[in-house]
């Protein structure tokens, strides 16, 4: 097990690459989202389109930070379960 931790430390294991398959359900939702975004940007005048694009970028940054926080919380929770199972 310590070899896994060492490989992770040196960057040889990337959690993002472990789950690269998009489920059909998620793919369908993503397709609908992209379609709605395209429809909306086509309807907007240039100034509003720029505002919308900036909003989407800001939301993506917010979402990325939230996903990172959730990953960290989940990892810590798993570590607590492991600690409780093997130490207590």
C-alpha atoms as a PDB file:
ATOM      1  CA  UNK A   1       0.000   0.000   0.000  1.00  0.00           C
ATOM      2  CA  UNK A   2       2.820   2.428   0.725  1.00  0.00           C
ATOM      3  CA  UNK A   3       3.932   2.045  -2.910  1.00  0.00           C
ATOM      4  CA  UNK A   4       0.545   3.422  -4.017  1.00  0.00           C
ATOM      5  CA  UNK A   5       0.953   6.445  -1.752  1.00  0.00           C
ATOM      6  CA  UNK A   6       4.479   7.023  -3.039  1.00  0.00           C
ATOM      7  CA  UNK A   7       3.333   6.773  -6.662  1.00  0.00           C
ATOM      8  CA  UNK A   8       0.523   9.233  -5.898  1.00  0.00           C
ATOM      9  CA  UNK A   9       2.971  11.627  -4.213  1.00  0.00           C
ATOM     10  CA  UNK A  10       5.290  11.648  -7.218  1.00  0.00           C
ATOM     11  CA  UNK A  11       2.385  12.363  -9.553  1.00  0.00           C
ATOM     12  CA  UNK A  12       2.343   8.976 -11.241  1.00  0.00           C
ATOM     13  CA  UNK A  13      -1.315   8.473 -10.323  1.00  0.00           C
ATOM     14  CA  UNK A  14      -3.792  11.093 -11.464  1.00  0.00           C
ATOM     15  CA  UNK A  15      -7.279  10.736  -9.932  1.00  0.00           C
ATOM     16  CA  UNK A  16      -8.815  12.716 -12.810  1.00  0.00           C
ATOM     17  CA  UNK A  17      -7.654  10.138 -15.340  1.00  0.00           C
ATOM     18  CA  UNK A  18      -9.065   7.175 -13.403  1.00  0.00           C
ATOM     19  CA  UNK A  19     -12.640   7.993 -14.410  1.00  0.00           C
ATOM     20  CA  UNK A  20     -12.597   9.343 -17.940  1.00  0.00           C
ATOM     21  CA  UNK A  21     -15.693   7.528 -19.197  1.00  0.00           C
ATOM     22  CA  UNK A  22     -18.802   9.664 -19.428  1.00  0.00           C
ATOM     23  CA  UNK A  23     -21.947   7.698 -18.712  1.00  0.00           C
ATOM     24  CA  UNK A  24     -24.711   7.807 -21.326  1.00  0.00           C
ATOM     25  CA  UNK A  25     -26.956   9.671 -18.867  1.00  0.00           C
ATOM     26  CA  UNK A  26     -24.287  12.317 -18.227  1.00  0.00           C
ATOM     27  CA  UNK A  27     -23.484  12.562 -21.937  1.00  0.00           C
ATOM     28  CA  UNK A  28     -27.166  13.244 -22.676  1.00  0.00           C
ATOM     29  CA  UNK A  29     -27.316  15.984 -20.023  1.00  0.00           C
ATOM     30  CA  UNK A  30     -24.085  17.559 -21.295  1.00  0.00           C
ATOM     31  CA  UNK A  31     -25.405  17.561 -24.852  1.00  0.00           C
ATOM     32  CA  UNK A  32     -28.597  19.308 -23.740  1.00  0.00           C
ATOM     33  CA  UNK A  33     -26.567  21.867 -21.783  1.00  0.00           C
ATOM     34  CA  UNK A  34     -24.333  22.631 -24.769  1.00  0.00           C
ATOM     35  CA  UNK A  35     -27.354  22.966 -27.051  1.00  0.00           C
ATOM     36  CA  UNK A  36     -29.073  25.417 -24.686  1.00  0.00           C
ATOM     37  CA  UNK A  37     -25.882  27.459 -24.318  1.00  0.00           C
ATOM     38  CA  UNK A  38     -25.520  27.689 -28.099  1.00  0.00           C
ATOM     39  CA  UNK A  39     -29.174  28.709 -28.509  1.00  0.00           C
ATOM     40  CA  UNK A  40     -28.831  31.377 -25.853  1.00  0.00           C
ATOM     41  CA  UNK A  41     -25.600  32.858 -27.190  1.00  0.00           C
ATOM     42  CA  UNK A  42     -27.087  33.056 -30.701  1.00  0.00           C
ATOM     43  CA  UNK A  43     -30.056  35.049 -29.359  1.00  0.00           C
ATOM     44  CA  UNK A  44     -28.026  37.560 -27.371  1.00  0.00           C
ATOM     45  CA  UNK A  45     -26.663  40.838 -28.692  1.00  0.00           C
ATOM     46  CA  UNK A  46     -22.880  41.144 -28.554  1.00  0.00           C
ATOM     47  CA  UNK A  47     -22.659  43.007 -25.217  1.00  0.00           C
ATOM     48  CA  UNK A  48     -24.973  40.548 -23.447  1.00  0.00           C
ATOM     49  CA  UNK A  49     -23.230  37.605 -25.099  1.00  0.00           C
ATOM     50  CA  UNK A  50     -19.924  38.763 -23.623  1.00  0.00           C
ATOM     51  CA  UNK A  51     -21.548  39.116 -20.200  1.00  0.00           C
ATOM     52  CA  UNK A  52     -23.027  35.621 -20.474  1.00  0.00           C
ATOM     53  CA  UNK A  53     -19.701  34.084 -21.522  1.00  0.00           C
ATOM     54  CA  UNK A  54     -18.002  35.774 -18.561  1.00  0.00           C
ATOM     55  CA  UNK A  55     -20.746  34.440 -16.294  1.00  0.00           C
ATOM     56  CA  UNK A  56     -20.210  30.892 -17.604  1.00  0.00           C
ATOM     57  CA  UNK A  57     -16.456  31.177 -17.044  1.00  0.00           C
ATOM     58  CA  UNK A  58     -16.960  32.488 -13.500  1.00  0.00           C
ATOM     59  CA  UNK A  59     -19.445  29.699 -12.748  1.00  0.00           C
ATOM     60  CA  UNK A  60     -16.995  27.095 -14.082  1.00  0.00           C
ATOM     61  CA  UNK A  61     -14.294  28.423 -11.758  1.00  0.00           C
ATOM     62  CA  UNK A  62     -16.728  28.361  -8.822  1.00  0.00           C
ATOM     63  CA  UNK A  63     -17.816  24.830  -9.711  1.00  0.00           C
ATOM     64  CA  UNK A  64     -14.219  23.668 -10.014  1.00  0.00           C
ATOM     65  CA  UNK A  65     -13.381  24.959  -6.530  1.00  0.00           C
ATOM     66  CA  UNK A  66     -16.540  23.333  -5.151  1.00  0.00           C
ATOM     67  CA  UNK A  67     -15.643  20.016  -6.793  1.00  0.00           C
ATOM     68  CA  UNK A  68     -12.153  20.223  -5.333  1.00  0.00           C
ATOM     69  CA  UNK A  69     -13.546  20.913  -1.857  1.00  0.00           C
ATOM     70  CA  UNK A  70     -15.953  17.975  -2.197  1.00  0.00           C
ATOM     71  CA  UNK A  71     -13.117  15.685  -3.286  1.00  0.00           C
ATOM     72  CA  UNK A  72     -11.012  16.735  -0.312  1.00  0.00           C
ATOM     73  CA  UNK A  73     -13.919  16.272   2.107  1.00  0.00           C
ATOM     74  CA  UNK A  74     -14.651  12.828   0.662  1.00  0.00           C
ATOM     75  CA  UNK A  75     -11.005  11.831   0.881  1.00  0.00           C
ATOM     76  CA  UNK A  76     -10.857  12.943   4.531  1.00  0.00           C
ATOM     77  CA  UNK A  77     -14.059  11.066   5.318  1.00  0.00           C
ATOM     78  CA  UNK A  78     -12.611   7.918   3.761  1.00  0.00           C
ATOM     79  CA  UNK A  79      -9.429   8.371   5.793  1.00  0.00           C
ATOM     80  CA  UNK A  80     -11.509   8.663   8.968  1.00  0.00           C
ATOM     81  CA  UNK A  81     -13.373   5.439   8.119  1.00  0.00           C
ATOM     82  CA  UNK A  82     -10.057   3.687   7.525  1.00  0.00           C
ATOM     83  CA  UNK A  83      -8.593   5.032  10.737  1.00  0.00           C
ATOM     84  CA  UNK A  84     -11.660   3.961  12.720  1.00  0.00           C
ATOM     85  CA  UNK A  85     -11.653   0.498  11.124  1.00  0.00           C
ATOM     86  CA  UNK A  86      -7.982  -0.270  11.714  1.00  0.00           C
ATOM     87  CA  UNK A  87      -6.933   1.783  14.739  1.00  0.00           C
ATOM     88  CA  UNK A  88      -9.853   1.832  17.158  1.00  0.00           C
END
